[in-house]
Amino acid sequence: MRFVALVLAAAFCADAAYAQVTLSPAVTARAQGEMHSRIGAEVSAFRVRLGLDESVDTYCRGRMHLDTRNPSDGSVPFGVNYNLLRSLEELQQIISTREAFELNYLKLCLANYANEMRSAGVR
């Protein structure tokens, strides 16, 4: 009985220690919001330079969402549980990776759309 109590106490202490080193949801949400703002501004400027309508941006975002939904392998950055991150450095690495991926995915999608429209003689 005493062994069970010690195991339970150790598990509780481990959970408490773990909870103390994880980042708050407010911190991770703010970092993600700032990332989305940076991506939105840069993608919007790129879309305007290409002379594309805002609906193309929406199409590309929808396509990215379909390509990255439900990752089952825990891949960075889309399979990460932000509530389990333990440090600001880890959060920054994941945000940086995700931002680079999303920015490049969306720019490539917009550029491909513009090239296909030009090749088809549209515009």
PDB file of N, CA and C in Angstrom:
ATOM      1  N   MET A   1       0.818  -1.186   0.000  1.00  0.00           N
ATOM      2  CA  MET A   1       0.000   0.000   0.000  1.00  0.00           C
ATOM      3  C   MET A   1       0.867   1.257   0.000  1.00  0.00           C
ATOM      4  N   ARG A   2       1.931   1.222   0.799  1.00  0.00           N
ATOM      5  CA  ARG A   2       2.805   2.387   0.862  1.00  0.00           C
ATOM      6  C   ARG A   2       3.493   2.613  -0.486  1.00  0.00           C
ATOM      7  N   PHE A   3       3.862   1.545  -1.193  1.00  0.00           N
ATOM      8  CA  PHE A   3       4.486   1.655  -2.507  1.00  0.00           C
ATOM      9  C   PHE A   3       3.537   2.340  -3.495  1.00  0.00           C
ATOM     10  N   VAL A   4       2.275   1.960  -3.471  1.00  0.00           N
ATOM     11  CA  VAL A   4       1.278   2.566  -4.353  1.00  0.00           C
ATOM     12  C   VAL A   4       1.158   4.058  -4.055  1.00  0.00           C
ATOM     13  N   ALA A   5       1.150   4.406  -2.783  1.00  0.00           N
ATOM     14  CA  ALA A   5       1.053   5.811  -2.394  1.00  0.00           C
ATOM     15  C   ALA A   5       2.280   6.583  -2.874  1.00  0.00           C
ATOM     16  N   LEU A   6       3.468   5.978  -2.784  1.00  0.00           N
ATOM     17  CA  LEU A   6       4.679   6.639  -3.257  1.00  0.00           C
ATOM     18  C   LEU A   6       4.655   6.817  -4.768  1.00  0.00           C
ATOM     19  N   VAL A   7       4.188   5.806  -5.492  1.00  0.00           N
ATOM     20  CA  VAL A   7       4.103   5.893  -6.952  1.00  0.00           C
ATOM     21  C   VAL A   7       3.120   6.994  -7.347  1.00  0.00           C
ATOM     22  N   LEU A   8       1.965   7.024  -6.692  1.00  0.00           N
ATOM     23  CA  LEU A   8       0.979   8.060  -6.983  1.00  0.00           C
ATOM     24  C   LEU A   8       1.517   9.444  -6.646  1.00  0.00           C
ATOM     25  N   ALA A   9       2.224   9.584  -5.551  1.00  0.00           N
ATOM     26  CA  ALA A   9       2.800  10.869  -5.166  1.00  0.00           C
ATOM     27  C   ALA A   9       3.854  11.303  -6.186  1.00  0.00           C
ATOM     28  N   ALA A  10       4.669  10.366  -6.643  1.00  0.00           N
ATOM     29  CA  ALA A  10       5.688  10.684  -7.641  1.00  0.00           C
ATOM     30  C   ALA A  10       5.040  11.101  -8.955  1.00  0.00           C
ATOM     31  N   ALA A  11       3.986  10.411  -9.346  1.00  0.00           N
ATOM     32  CA  ALA A  11       3.285  10.763 -10.577  1.00  0.00           C
ATOM     33  C   ALA A  11       2.678  12.150 -10.468  1.00  0.00           C
ATOM     34  N   PHE A  12       2.096  12.460  -9.308  1.00  0.00           N
ATOM     35  CA  PHE A  12       1.508  13.784  -9.105  1.00  0.00           C
ATOM     36  C   PHE A  12       2.583  14.863  -9.174  1.00  0.00           C
ATOM     37  N   CYS A  13       3.718  14.617  -8.535  1.00  0.00           N
ATOM     38  CA  CYS A  13       4.815  15.581  -8.559  1.00  0.00           C
ATOM     39  C   CYS A  13       5.347  15.757  -9.976  1.00  0.00           C
ATOM     40  N   ALA A  14       5.440  14.673 -10.724  1.00  0.00           N
ATOM     41  CA  ALA A  14       5.912  14.759 -12.101  1.00  0.00           C
ATOM     42  C   ALA A  14       4.941  15.576 -12.932  1.00  0.00           C
ATOM     43  N   ASP A  15       3.630  15.350 -12.736  1.00  0.00           N
ATOM     44  CA  ASP A  15       2.627  16.134 -13.458  1.00  0.00           C
ATOM     45  C   ASP A  15       2.705  17.600 -13.072  1.00  0.00           C
ATOM     46  N   ALA A  16       2.880  17.873 -11.794  1.00  0.00           N
ATOM     47  CA  ALA A  16       2.966  19.254 -11.325  1.00  0.00           C
ATOM     48  C   ALA A  16       4.216  19.922 -11.898  1.00  0.00           C
ATOM     49  N   ALA A  17       5.337  19.210 -11.909  1.00  0.00           N
ATOM     50  CA  ALA A  17       6.565  19.772 -12.461  1.00  0.00           C
ATOM     51  C   ALA A  17       6.406  20.007 -13.951  1.00  0.00           C
ATOM     52  N   TYR A  18       5.750  19.085 -14.645  1.00  0.00           N
ATOM     53  CA  TYR A  18       5.533  19.229 -16.075  1.00  0.00           C
ATOM     54  C   TYR A  18       4.648  20.440 -16.351  1.00  0.00           C
ATOM     55  N   ALA A  19       3.600  20.596 -15.563  1.00  0.00           N
ATOM     56  CA  ALA A  19       2.674  21.712 -15.756  1.00  0.00           C
ATOM     57  C   ALA A  19       3.388  23.049 -15.550  1.00  0.00           C
ATOM     58  N   GLN A  20       4.364  23.082 -14.695  1.00  0.00           N
ATOM     59  CA  GLN A  20       5.064  24.330 -14.416  1.00  0.00           C
ATOM     60  C   GLN A  20       5.976  24.740 -15.564  1.00  0.00           C
ATOM     61  N   VAL A  21       6.422  23.803 -16.366  1.00  0.00           N
ATOM     62  CA  VAL A  21       7.356  24.151 -17.426  1.00  0.00           C
ATOM     63  C   VAL A  21       6.692  24.279 -18.792  1.00  0.00           C
ATOM     64  N   THR A  22       5.408  23.994 -18.901  1.00  0.00           N
ATOM     65  CA  THR A  22       4.744  24.184 -20.183  1.00  0.00           C
ATOM     66  C   THR A  22       4.344  25.643 -20.339  1.00  0.00           C
ATOM     67  N   LEU A  23       4.239  26.082 -21.573  1.00  0.00           N
ATOM     68  CA  LEU A  23       3.857  27.462 -21.853  1.00  0.00           C
ATOM     69  C   LEU A  23       2.354  27.617 -21.733  1.00  0.00           C
ATOM     70  N   SER A  24       1.930  28.792 -21.366  1.00  0.00           N
ATOM     71  CA  SER A  24       0.488  29.032 -21.224  1.00  0.00           C
ATOM     72  C   SER A  24      -0.164  29.095 -22.607  1.00  0.00           C
ATOM     73  N   PRO A  25      -1.424  28.725 -22.692  1.00  0.00           N
ATOM     74  CA  PRO A  25      -2.146  28.826 -23.963  1.00  0.00           C
ATOM     75  C   PRO A  25      -2.158  30.258 -24.512  1.00  0.00           C
ATOM     76  N   ALA A  26      -2.162  31.250 -23.639  1.00  0.00           N
ATOM     77  CA  ALA A  26      -2.166  32.642 -24.093  1.00  0.00           C
ATOM     78  C   ALA A  26      -0.878  32.976 -24.846  1.00  0.00           C
ATOM     79  N   VAL A  27       0.244  32.457 -24.370  1.00  0.00           N
ATOM     80  CA  VAL A  27       1.533  32.720 -25.019  1.00  0.00           C
ATOM     81  C   VAL A  27       1.577  32.060 -26.393  1.00  0.00           C
ATOM     82  N   THR A  28       1.154  30.812 -26.474  1.00  0.00           N
ATOM     83  CA  THR A  28       1.192  30.115 -27.763  1.00  0.00           C
ATOM     84  C   THR A  28       0.175  30.706 -28.737  1.00  0.00           C
ATOM     85  N   ALA A  29      -0.989  31.093 -28.241  1.00  0.00           N
ATOM     86  CA  ALA A  29      -2.009  31.697 -29.104  1.00  0.00           C
ATOM     87  C   ALA A  29      -1.519  33.039 -29.653  1.00  0.00           C
ATOM     88  N   ARG A  30      -0.882  33.839 -28.820  1.00  0.00           N
ATOM     89  CA  ARG A  30      -0.365  35.136 -29.263  1.00  0.00           C
ATOM     90  C   ARG A  30       0.708  34.936 -30.336  1.00  0.00           C
ATOM     91  N   ALA A  31       1.600  33.975 -30.128  1.00  0.00           N
ATOM     92  CA  ALA A  31       2.661  33.713 -31.106  1.00  0.00           C
ATOM     93  C   ALA A  31       2.069  33.265 -32.440  1.00  0.00           C
ATOM     94  N   GLN A  32       1.049  32.422 -32.383  1.00  0.00           N
ATOM     95  CA  GLN A  32       0.405  31.971 -33.618  1.00  0.00           C
ATOM     96  C   GLN A  32      -0.341  33.119 -34.306  1.00  0.00           C
ATOM     97  N   GLY A  33      -0.994  33.965 -33.523  1.00  0.00           N
ATOM     98  CA  GLY A  33      -1.699  35.105 -34.097  1.00  0.00           C
ATOM     99  C   GLY A  33      -0.758  36.070 -34.793  1.00  0.00           C
ATOM    100  N   GLU A  34       0.377  36.347 -34.150  1.00  0.00           N
ATOM    101  CA  GLU A  34       1.380  37.224 -34.760  1.00  0.00           C
ATOM    102  C   GLU A  34       1.924  36.610 -36.047  1.00  0.00           C
ATOM    103  N   MET A  35       2.137  35.286 -36.030  1.00  0.00           N
ATOM    104  CA  MET A  35       2.614  34.599 -37.224  1.00  0.00           C
ATOM    105  C   MET A  35       1.606  34.749 -38.360  1.00  0.00           C
ATOM    106  N   HIS A  36       0.325  34.529 -38.060  1.00  0.00           N
ATOM    107  CA  HIS A  36      -0.710  34.638 -39.090  1.00  0.00           C
ATOM    108  C   HIS A  36      -0.800  36.064 -39.635  1.00  0.00           C
ATOM    109  N   SER A  37      -0.593  37.057 -38.796  1.00  0.00           N
ATOM    110  CA  SER A  37      -0.604  38.453 -39.253  1.00  0.00           C
ATOM    111  C   SER A  37       0.542  38.720 -40.223  1.00  0.00           C
ATOM    112  N   ARG A  38       1.734  38.231 -39.884  1.00  0.00           N
ATOM    113  CA  ARG A  38       2.890  38.423 -40.774  1.00  0.00           C
ATOM    114  C   ARG A  38       2.663  37.726 -42.108  1.00  0.00           C
ATOM    115  N   ILE A  39       2.166  36.492 -42.054  1.00  0.00           N
ATOM    116  CA  ILE A  39       1.899  35.744 -43.281  1.00  0.00           C
ATOM    117  C   ILE A  39       0.849  36.470 -44.112  1.00  0.00           C
ATOM    118  N   GLY A  40      -0.226  36.899 -43.468  1.00  0.00           N
ATOM    119  CA  GLY A  40      -1.304  37.570 -44.189  1.00  0.00           C
ATOM    120  C   GLY A  40      -0.836  38.816 -44.912  1.00  0.00           C
ATOM    121  N   ALA A  41      -0.027  39.628 -44.240  1.00  0.00           N
ATOM    122  CA  ALA A  41       0.469  40.865 -44.847  1.00  0.00           C
ATOM    123  C   ALA A  41       1.360  40.571 -46.047  1.00  0.00           C
ATOM    124  N   GLU A  42       2.277  39.619 -45.894  1.00  0.00           N
ATOM    125  CA  GLU A  42       3.204  39.320 -46.984  1.00  0.00           C
ATOM    126  C   GLU A  42       2.510  38.652 -48.165  1.00  0.00           C
ATOM    127  N   VAL A  43       1.601  37.739 -47.888  1.00  0.00           N
ATOM    128  CA  VAL A  43       0.881  37.056 -48.960  1.00  0.00           C
ATOM    129  C   VAL A  43      -0.031  38.038 -49.695  1.00  0.00           C
ATOM    130  N   SER A  44      -0.666  38.919 -48.956  1.00  0.00           N
ATOM    131  CA  SER A  44      -1.538  39.918 -49.579  1.00  0.00           C
ATOM    132  C   SER A  44      -0.744  40.829 -50.515  1.00  0.00           C
ATOM    133  N   ALA A  45       0.410  41.287 -50.061  1.00  0.00           N
ATOM    134  CA  ALA A  45       1.252  42.139 -50.902  1.00  0.00           C
ATOM    135  C   ALA A  45       1.707  41.387 -52.154  1.00  0.00           C
ATOM    136  N   PHE A  46       2.059  40.128 -52.006  1.00  0.00           N
ATOM    137  CA  PHE A  46       2.497  39.313 -53.142  1.00  0.00           C
ATOM    138  C   PHE A  46       1.342  39.120 -54.135  1.00  0.00           C
ATOM    139  N   ARG A  47       0.152  38.855 -53.622  1.00  0.00           N
ATOM    140  CA  ARG A  47      -1.030  38.665 -54.472  1.00  0.00           C
ATOM    141  C   ARG A  47      -1.331  39.931 -55.262  1.00  0.00           C
ATOM    142  N   VAL A  48      -1.232  41.088 -54.609  1.00  0.00           N
ATOM    143  CA  VAL A  48      -1.481  42.365 -55.283  1.00  0.00           C
ATOM    144  C   VAL A  48      -0.441  42.589 -56.379  1.00  0.00           C
ATOM    145  N   ARG A  49       0.830  42.287 -56.092  1.00  0.00           N
ATOM    146  CA  ARG A  49       1.884  42.430 -57.109  1.00  0.00           C
ATOM    147  C   ARG A  49       1.608  41.571 -58.326  1.00  0.00           C
ATOM    148  N   LEU A  50       1.015  40.397 -58.094  1.00  0.00           N
ATOM    149  CA  LEU A  50       0.686  39.510 -59.215  1.00  0.00           C
ATOM    150  C   LEU A  50      -0.600  39.928 -59.920  1.00  0.00           C
ATOM    151  N   GLY A  51      -1.329  40.849 -59.319  1.00  0.00           N
ATOM    152  CA  GLY A  51      -2.576  41.312 -59.921  1.00  0.00           C
ATOM    153  C   GLY A  51      -3.720  40.327 -59.775  1.00  0.00           C
ATOM    154  N   LEU A  52      -3.712  39.544 -58.707  1.00  0.00           N
ATOM    155  CA  LEU A  52      -4.736  38.530 -58.501  1.00  0.00           C
ATOM    156  C   LEU A  52      -5.807  39.017 -57.529  1.00  0.00           C
ATOM    157  N   ASP A  53      -6.971  38.463 -57.684  1.00  0.00           N
ATOM    158  CA  ASP A  53      -8.096  38.758 -56.816  1.00  0.00           C
ATOM    159  C   ASP A  53      -7.922  38.085 -55.459  1.00  0.00           C
ATOM    160  N   GLU A  54      -8.556  38.624 -54.442  1.00  0.00           N
ATOM    161  CA  GLU A  54      -8.469  38.070 -53.098  1.00  0.00           C
ATOM    162  C   GLU A  54      -9.017  36.641 -53.021  1.00  0.00           C
ATOM    163  N   SER A  55      -9.906  36.301 -53.937  1.00  0.00           N
ATOM    164  CA  SER A  55     -10.472  34.946 -53.930  1.00  0.00           C
ATOM    165  C   SER A  55      -9.410  33.883 -54.205  1.00  0.00           C
ATOM    166  N   VAL A  56      -8.366  34.252 -54.929  1.00  0.00           N
ATOM    167  CA  VAL A  56      -7.283  33.294 -55.198  1.00  0.00           C
ATOM    168  C   VAL A  56      -6.526  32.995 -53.905  1.00  0.00           C
ATOM    169  N   ASP A  57      -6.356  34.018 -53.079  1.00  0.00           N
ATOM    170  CA  ASP A  57      -5.732  33.828 -51.767  1.00  0.00           C
ATOM    171  C   ASP A  57      -6.573  32.851 -50.944  1.00  0.00           C
ATOM    172  N   THR A  58      -7.870  33.043 -50.950  1.00  0.00           N
ATOM    173  CA  THR A  58      -8.776  32.148 -50.217  1.00  0.00           C
ATOM    174  C   THR A  58      -8.677  30.724 -50.752  1.00  0.00           C
ATOM    175  N   TYR A  59      -8.619  30.582 -52.074  1.00  0.00           N
ATOM    176  CA  TYR A  59      -8.466  29.254 -52.685  1.00  0.00           C
ATOM    177  C   TYR A  59      -7.168  28.594 -52.213  1.00  0.00           C
ATOM    178  N   CYS A  60      -6.070  29.344 -52.228  1.00  0.00           N
ATOM    179  CA  CYS A  60      -4.778  28.778 -51.837  1.00  0.00           C
ATOM    180  C   CYS A  60      -4.757  28.390 -50.357  1.00  0.00           C
ATOM    181  N   ARG A  61      -5.375  29.199 -49.519  1.00  0.00           N
ATOM    182  CA  ARG A  61      -5.451  28.859 -48.092  1.00  0.00           C
ATOM    183  C   ARG A  61      -6.280  27.597 -47.873  1.00  0.00           C
ATOM    184  N   GLY A  62      -7.362  27.463 -48.605  1.00  0.00           N
ATOM    185  CA  GLY A  62      -8.183  26.252 -48.510  1.00  0.00           C
ATOM    186  C   GLY A  62      -7.430  25.023 -48.971  1.00  0.00           C
ATOM    187  N   ARG A  63      -6.672  25.187 -50.028  1.00  0.00           N
ATOM    188  CA  ARG A  63      -5.871  24.076 -50.543  1.00  0.00           C
ATOM    189  C   ARG A  63      -4.794  23.660 -49.539  1.00  0.00           C
ATOM    190  N   MET A  64      -4.148  24.656 -48.925  1.00  0.00           N
ATOM    191  CA  MET A  64      -3.134  24.364 -47.911  1.00  0.00           C
ATOM    192  C   MET A  64      -3.769  23.638 -46.722  1.00  0.00           C
ATOM    193  N   HIS A  65      -4.939  24.096 -46.328  1.00  0.00           N
ATOM    194  CA  HIS A  65      -5.635  23.454 -45.212  1.00  0.00           C
ATOM    195  C   HIS A  65      -5.903  21.980 -45.524  1.00  0.00           C
ATOM    196  N   LEU A  66      -6.355  21.688 -46.730  1.00  0.00           N
ATOM    197  CA  LEU A  66      -6.618  20.299 -47.104  1.00  0.00           C
ATOM    198  C   LEU A  66      -5.338  19.468 -47.147  1.00  0.00           C
ATOM    199  N   ASP A  67      -4.256  20.077 -47.606  1.00  0.00           N
ATOM    200  CA  ASP A  67      -2.974  19.353 -47.699  1.00  0.00           C
ATOM    201  C   ASP A  67      -2.326  19.103 -46.344  1.00  0.00           C
ATOM    202  N   THR A  68      -2.696  19.857 -45.325  1.00  0.00           N
ATOM    203  CA  THR A  68      -2.012  19.743 -44.030  1.00  0.00           C
ATOM    204  C   THR A  68      -2.923  19.290 -42.900  1.00  0.00           C
ATOM    205  N   ARG A  69      -4.147  18.927 -43.197  1.00  0.00           N
ATOM    206  CA  ARG A  69      -5.086  18.566 -42.121  1.00  0.00           C
ATOM    207  C   ARG A  69      -4.777  17.190 -41.549  1.00  0.00           C
ATOM    208  N   ASN A  70      -5.138  17.019 -40.308  1.00  0.00           N
ATOM    209  CA  ASN A  70      -5.072  15.738 -39.597  1.00  0.00           C
ATOM    210  C   ASN A  70      -3.738  15.007 -39.698  1.00  0.00           C
ATOM    211  N   PRO A  71      -2.637  15.652 -39.360  1.00  0.00           N
ATOM    212  CA  PRO A  71      -1.376  14.907 -39.373  1.00  0.00           C
ATOM    213  C   PRO A  71      -1.374  13.893 -38.229  1.00  0.00           C
ATOM    214  N   SER A  72      -1.102  12.675 -38.544  1.00  0.00           N
ATOM    215  CA  SER A  72      -1.131  11.634 -37.518  1.00  0.00           C
ATOM    216  C   SER A  72       0.261  11.274 -37.016  1.00  0.00           C
ATOM    217  N   ASP A  73       1.269  11.826 -37.654  1.00  0.00           N
ATOM    218  CA  ASP A  73       2.629  11.440 -37.287  1.00  0.00           C
ATOM    219  C   ASP A  73       3.336  12.438 -36.379  1.00  0.00           C
ATOM    220  N   GLY A  74       2.645  13.486 -35.943  1.00  0.00           N
ATOM    221  CA  GLY A  74       3.271  14.474 -35.068  1.00  0.00           C
ATOM    222  C   GLY A  74       4.274  15.353 -35.780  1.00  0.00           C
ATOM    223  N   SER A  75       4.181  15.432 -37.086  1.00  0.00           N
ATOM    224  CA  SER A  75       5.155  16.195 -37.850  1.00  0.00           C
ATOM    225  C   SER A  75       5.079  17.681 -37.530  1.00  0.00           C
ATOM    226  N   VAL A  76       6.230  18.306 -37.553  1.00  0.00           N
ATOM    227  CA  VAL A  76       6.318  19.743 -37.332  1.00  0.00           C
ATOM    228  C   VAL A  76       5.993  20.403 -38.655  1.00  0.00           C
ATOM    229  N   PRO A  77       5.220  21.443 -38.705  1.00  0.00           N
ATOM    230  CA  PRO A  77       4.635  22.137 -37.579  1.00  0.00           C
ATOM    231  C   PRO A  77       3.165  21.800 -37.347  1.00  0.00           C
ATOM    232  N   PHE A  78       2.564  21.013 -38.220  1.00  0.00           N
ATOM    233  CA  PHE A  78       1.115  20.855 -38.161  1.00  0.00           C
ATOM    234  C   PHE A  78       0.642  19.780 -37.203  1.00  0.00           C
ATOM    235  N   GLY A  79       1.501  18.885 -36.792  1.00  0.00           N
ATOM    236  CA  GLY A  79       1.098  17.846 -35.854  1.00  0.00           C
ATOM    237  C   GLY A  79       1.505  18.148 -34.427  1.00  0.00           C
ATOM    238  N   VAL A  80       1.888  19.380 -34.157  1.00  0.00           N
ATOM    239  CA  VAL A  80       2.383  19.764 -32.838  1.00  0.00           C
ATOM    240  C   VAL A  80       1.221  20.176 -31.941  1.00  0.00           C
ATOM    241  N   ASN A  81       1.248  19.694 -30.708  1.00  0.00           N
ATOM    242  CA  ASN A  81       0.290  20.144 -29.707  1.00  0.00           C
ATOM    243  C   ASN A  81       0.948  21.317 -28.979  1.00  0.00           C
ATOM    244  N   TYR A  82       0.513  22.513 -29.287  1.00  0.00           N
ATOM    245  CA  TYR A  82       1.128  23.713 -28.723  1.00  0.00           C
ATOM    246  C   TYR A  82       0.986  23.784 -27.210  1.00  0.00           C
ATOM    247  N   ASN A  83       0.028  23.075 -26.654  1.00  0.00           N
ATOM    248  CA  ASN A  83      -0.171  23.075 -25.202  1.00  0.00           C
ATOM    249  C   ASN A  83       0.889  22.272 -24.464  1.00  0.00           C
ATOM    250  N   LEU A  84       1.691  21.503 -25.193  1.00  0.00           N
ATOM    251  CA  LEU A  84       2.712  20.680 -24.552  1.00  0.00           C
ATOM    252  C   LEU A  84       4.118  21.246 -24.703  1.00  0.00           C
ATOM    253  N   LEU A  85       4.249  22.420 -25.297  1.00  0.00           N
ATOM    254  CA  LEU A  85       5.573  23.008 -25.478  1.00  0.00           C
ATOM    255  C   LEU A  85       6.133  23.467 -24.142  1.00  0.00           C
ATOM    256  N   ARG A  86       7.431  23.294 -23.965  1.00  0.00           N
ATOM    257  CA  ARG A  86       8.053  23.561 -22.671  1.00  0.00           C
ATOM    258  C   ARG A  86       8.901  24.813 -22.618  1.00  0.00           C
ATOM    259  N   SER A  87       9.218  25.399 -23.763  1.00  0.00           N
ATOM    260  CA  SER A  87      10.082  26.583 -23.712  1.00  0.00           C
ATOM    261  C   SER A  87       9.738  27.546 -24.844  1.00  0.00           C
ATOM    262  N   LEU A  88      10.128  28.786 -24.639  1.00  0.00           N
ATOM    263  CA  LEU A  88       9.930  29.787 -25.685  1.00  0.00           C
ATOM    264  C   LEU A  88      10.780  29.476 -26.910  1.00  0.00           C
ATOM    265  N   GLU A  89      11.940  28.883 -26.698  1.00  0.00           N
ATOM    266  CA  GLU A  89      12.807  28.516 -27.823  1.00  0.00           C
ATOM    267  C   GLU A  89      12.131  27.464 -28.691  1.00  0.00           C
ATOM    268  N   GLU A  90      11.522  26.479 -28.046  1.00  0.00           N
ATOM    269  CA  GLU A  90      10.822  25.432 -28.789  1.00  0.00           C
ATOM    270  C   GLU A  90       9.645  26.035 -29.558  1.00  0.00           C
ATOM    271  N   LEU A  91       8.913  26.924 -28.921  1.00  0.00           N
ATOM    272  CA  LEU A  91       7.792  27.598 -29.578  1.00  0.00           C
ATOM    273  C   LEU A  91       8.291  28.395 -30.776  1.00  0.00           C
ATOM    274  N   GLN A  92       9.368  29.124 -30.608  1.00  0.00           N
ATOM    275  CA  GLN A  92       9.904  29.945 -31.690  1.00  0.00           C
ATOM    276  C   GLN A  92      10.349  29.083 -32.869  1.00  0.00           C
ATOM    277  N   GLN A  93      10.976  27.957 -32.603  1.00  0.00           N
ATOM    278  CA  GLN A  93      11.404  27.066 -33.686  1.00  0.00           C
ATOM    279  C   GLN A  93      10.199  26.557 -34.479  1.00  0.00           C
ATOM    280  N   ILE A  94       9.162  26.160 -33.764  1.00  0.00           N
ATOM    281  CA  ILE A  94       7.975  25.629 -34.432  1.00  0.00           C
ATOM    282  C   ILE A  94       7.262  26.728 -35.209  1.00  0.00           C
ATOM    283  N   ILE A  95       7.118  27.898 -34.602  1.00  0.00           N
ATOM    284  CA  ILE A  95       6.469  29.019 -35.286  1.00  0.00           C
ATOM    285  C   ILE A  95       7.268  29.402 -36.531  1.00  0.00           C
ATOM    286  N   SER A  96       8.576  29.442 -36.417  1.00  0.00           N
ATOM    287  CA  SER A  96       9.431  29.791 -37.548  1.00  0.00           C
ATOM    288  C   SER A  96       9.280  28.777 -38.688  1.00  0.00           C
ATOM    289  N   THR A  97       9.267  27.501 -38.347  1.00  0.00           N
ATOM    290  CA  THR A  97       9.104  26.452 -39.350  1.00  0.00           C
ATOM    291  C   THR A  97       7.742  26.538 -40.012  1.00  0.00           C
ATOM    292  N   ARG A  98       6.718  26.715 -39.196  1.00  0.00           N
ATOM    293  CA  ARG A  98       5.356  26.787 -39.743  1.00  0.00           C
ATOM    294  C   ARG A  98       5.182  28.032 -40.609  1.00  0.00           C
ATOM    295  N   GLU A  99       5.723  29.153 -40.152  1.00  0.00           N
ATOM    296  CA  GLU A  99       5.604  30.394 -40.922  1.00  0.00           C
ATOM    297  C   GLU A  99       6.285  30.258 -42.281  1.00  0.00           C
ATOM    298  N   ALA A 100       7.476  29.696 -42.293  1.00  0.00           N
ATOM    299  CA  ALA A 100       8.196  29.511 -43.557  1.00  0.00           C
ATOM    300  C   ALA A 100       7.408  28.599 -44.491  1.00  0.00           C
ATOM    301  N   PHE A 101       6.883  27.501 -43.949  1.00  0.00           N
ATOM    302  CA  PHE A 101       6.120  26.573 -44.778  1.00  0.00           C
ATOM    303  C   PHE A 101       4.885  27.259 -45.360  1.00  0.00           C
ATOM    304  N   GLU A 102       4.074  27.885 -44.496  1.00  0.00           N
ATOM    305  CA  GLU A 102       2.826  28.489 -44.959  1.00  0.00           C
ATOM    306  C   GLU A 102       3.093  29.619 -45.948  1.00  0.00           C
ATOM    307  N   LEU A 103       4.059  30.455 -45.663  1.00  0.00           N
ATOM    308  CA  LEU A 103       4.375  31.575 -46.544  1.00  0.00           C
ATOM    309  C   LEU A 103       4.800  31.071 -47.925  1.00  0.00           C
ATOM    310  N   ASN A 104       5.699  30.108 -47.945  1.00  0.00           N
ATOM    311  CA  ASN A 104       6.169  29.580 -49.227  1.00  0.00           C
ATOM    312  C   ASN A 104       5.089  28.808 -49.957  1.00  0.00           C
ATOM    313  N   TYR A 105       4.287  28.043 -49.234  1.00  0.00           N
ATOM    314  CA  TYR A 105       3.187  27.303 -49.860  1.00  0.00           C
ATOM    315  C   TYR A 105       2.229  28.274 -50.536  1.00  0.00           C
ATOM    316  N   LEU A 106       1.822  29.312 -49.814  1.00  0.00           N
ATOM    317  CA  LEU A 106       0.846  30.259 -50.360  1.00  0.00           C
ATOM    318  C   LEU A 106       1.419  31.066 -51.520  1.00  0.00           C
ATOM    319  N   LYS A 107       2.656  31.498 -51.426  1.00  0.00           N
ATOM    320  CA  LYS A 107       3.271  32.245 -52.525  1.00  0.00           C
ATOM    321  C   LYS A 107       3.407  31.370 -53.771  1.00  0.00           C
ATOM    322  N   LEU A 108       3.804  30.126 -53.573  1.00  0.00           N
ATOM    323  CA  LEU A 108       3.938  29.210 -54.707  1.00  0.00           C
ATOM    324  C   LEU A 108       2.581  28.954 -55.351  1.00  0.00           C
ATOM    325  N   CYS A 109       1.555  28.768 -54.549  1.00  0.00           N
ATOM    326  CA  CYS A 109       0.211  28.562 -55.067  1.00  0.00           C
ATOM    327  C   CYS A 109      -0.241  29.770 -55.881  1.00  0.00           C
ATOM    328  N   LEU A 110      -0.044  30.969 -55.345  1.00  0.00           N
ATOM    329  CA  LEU A 110      -0.429  32.187 -56.060  1.00  0.00           C
ATOM    330  C   LEU A 110       0.343  32.338 -57.366  1.00  0.00           C
ATOM    331  N   ALA A 111       1.649  32.082 -57.326  1.00  0.00           N
ATOM    332  CA  ALA A 111       2.471  32.202 -58.532  1.00  0.00           C
ATOM    333  C   ALA A 111       2.055  31.182 -59.584  1.00  0.00           C
ATOM    334  N   ASN A 112       1.788  29.951 -59.148  1.00  0.00           N
ATOM    335  CA  ASN A 112       1.341  28.930 -60.098  1.00  0.00           C
ATOM    336  C   ASN A 112       0.008  29.306 -60.727  1.00  0.00           C
ATOM    337  N   TYR A 113      -0.898  29.843 -59.929  1.00  0.00           N
ATOM    338  CA  TYR A 113      -2.198  30.267 -60.447  1.00  0.00           C
ATOM    339  C   TYR A 113      -2.007  31.369 -61.495  1.00  0.00           C
ATOM    340  N   ALA A 114      -1.187  32.351 -61.171  1.00  0.00           N
ATOM    341  CA  ALA A 114      -0.944  33.451 -62.115  1.00  0.00           C
ATOM    342  C   ALA A 114      -0.320  32.928 -63.405  1.00  0.00           C
ATOM    343  N   ASN A 115       0.643  32.013 -63.306  1.00  0.00           N
ATOM    344  CA  ASN A 115       1.276  31.447 -64.500  1.00  0.00           C
ATOM    345  C   ASN A 115       0.289  30.648 -65.339  1.00  0.00           C
ATOM    346  N   GLU A 116      -0.574  29.878 -64.686  1.00  0.00           N
ATOM    347  CA  GLU A 116      -1.555  29.095 -65.438  1.00  0.00           C
ATOM    348  C   GLU A 116      -2.569  29.993 -66.137  1.00  0.00           C
ATOM    349  N   MET A 117      -2.968  31.060 -65.482  1.00  0.00           N
ATOM    350  CA  MET A 117      -3.905  31.998 -66.111  1.00  0.00           C
ATOM    351  C   MET A 117      -3.252  32.683 -67.313  1.00  0.00           C
ATOM    352  N   ARG A 118      -1.979  33.066 -67.173  1.00  0.00           N
ATOM    353  CA  ARG A 118      -1.255  33.673 -68.278  1.00  0.00           C
ATOM    354  C   ARG A 118      -1.106  32.695 -69.431  1.00  0.00           C
ATOM    355  N   SER A 119      -0.778  31.447 -69.134  1.00  0.00           N
ATOM    356  CA  SER A 119      -0.616  30.429 -70.181  1.00  0.00           C
ATOM    357  C   SER A 119      -1.932  30.146 -70.890  1.00  0.00           C
ATOM    358  N   ALA A 120      -3.024  30.250 -70.169  1.00  0.00           N
ATOM    359  CA  ALA A 120      -4.341  30.003 -70.759  1.00  0.00           C
ATOM    360  C   ALA A 120      -4.861  31.228 -71.506  1.00  0.00           C
ATOM    361  N   GLY A 121      -4.135  32.345 -71.443  1.00  0.00           N
ATOM    362  CA  GLY A 121      -4.540  33.556 -72.129  1.00  0.00           C
ATOM    363  C   GLY A 121      -5.624  34.340 -71.409  1.00  0.00           C
ATOM    364  N   VAL A 122      -5.799  34.030 -70.131  1.00  0.00           N
ATOM    365  CA  VAL A 122      -6.782  34.746 -69.330  1.00  0.00           C
ATOM    366  C   VAL A 122      -6.117  35.995 -68.751  1.00  0.00           C
ATOM    367  N   ARG A 123      -6.807  37.140 -68.829  1.00  0.00           N
ATOM    368  CA  ARG A 123      -6.367  38.432 -68.294  1.00  0.00           C
ATOM    369  C   ARG A 123      -5.979  39.301 -69.409  1.00  0.00           C
TER     370      ARG A 123
END
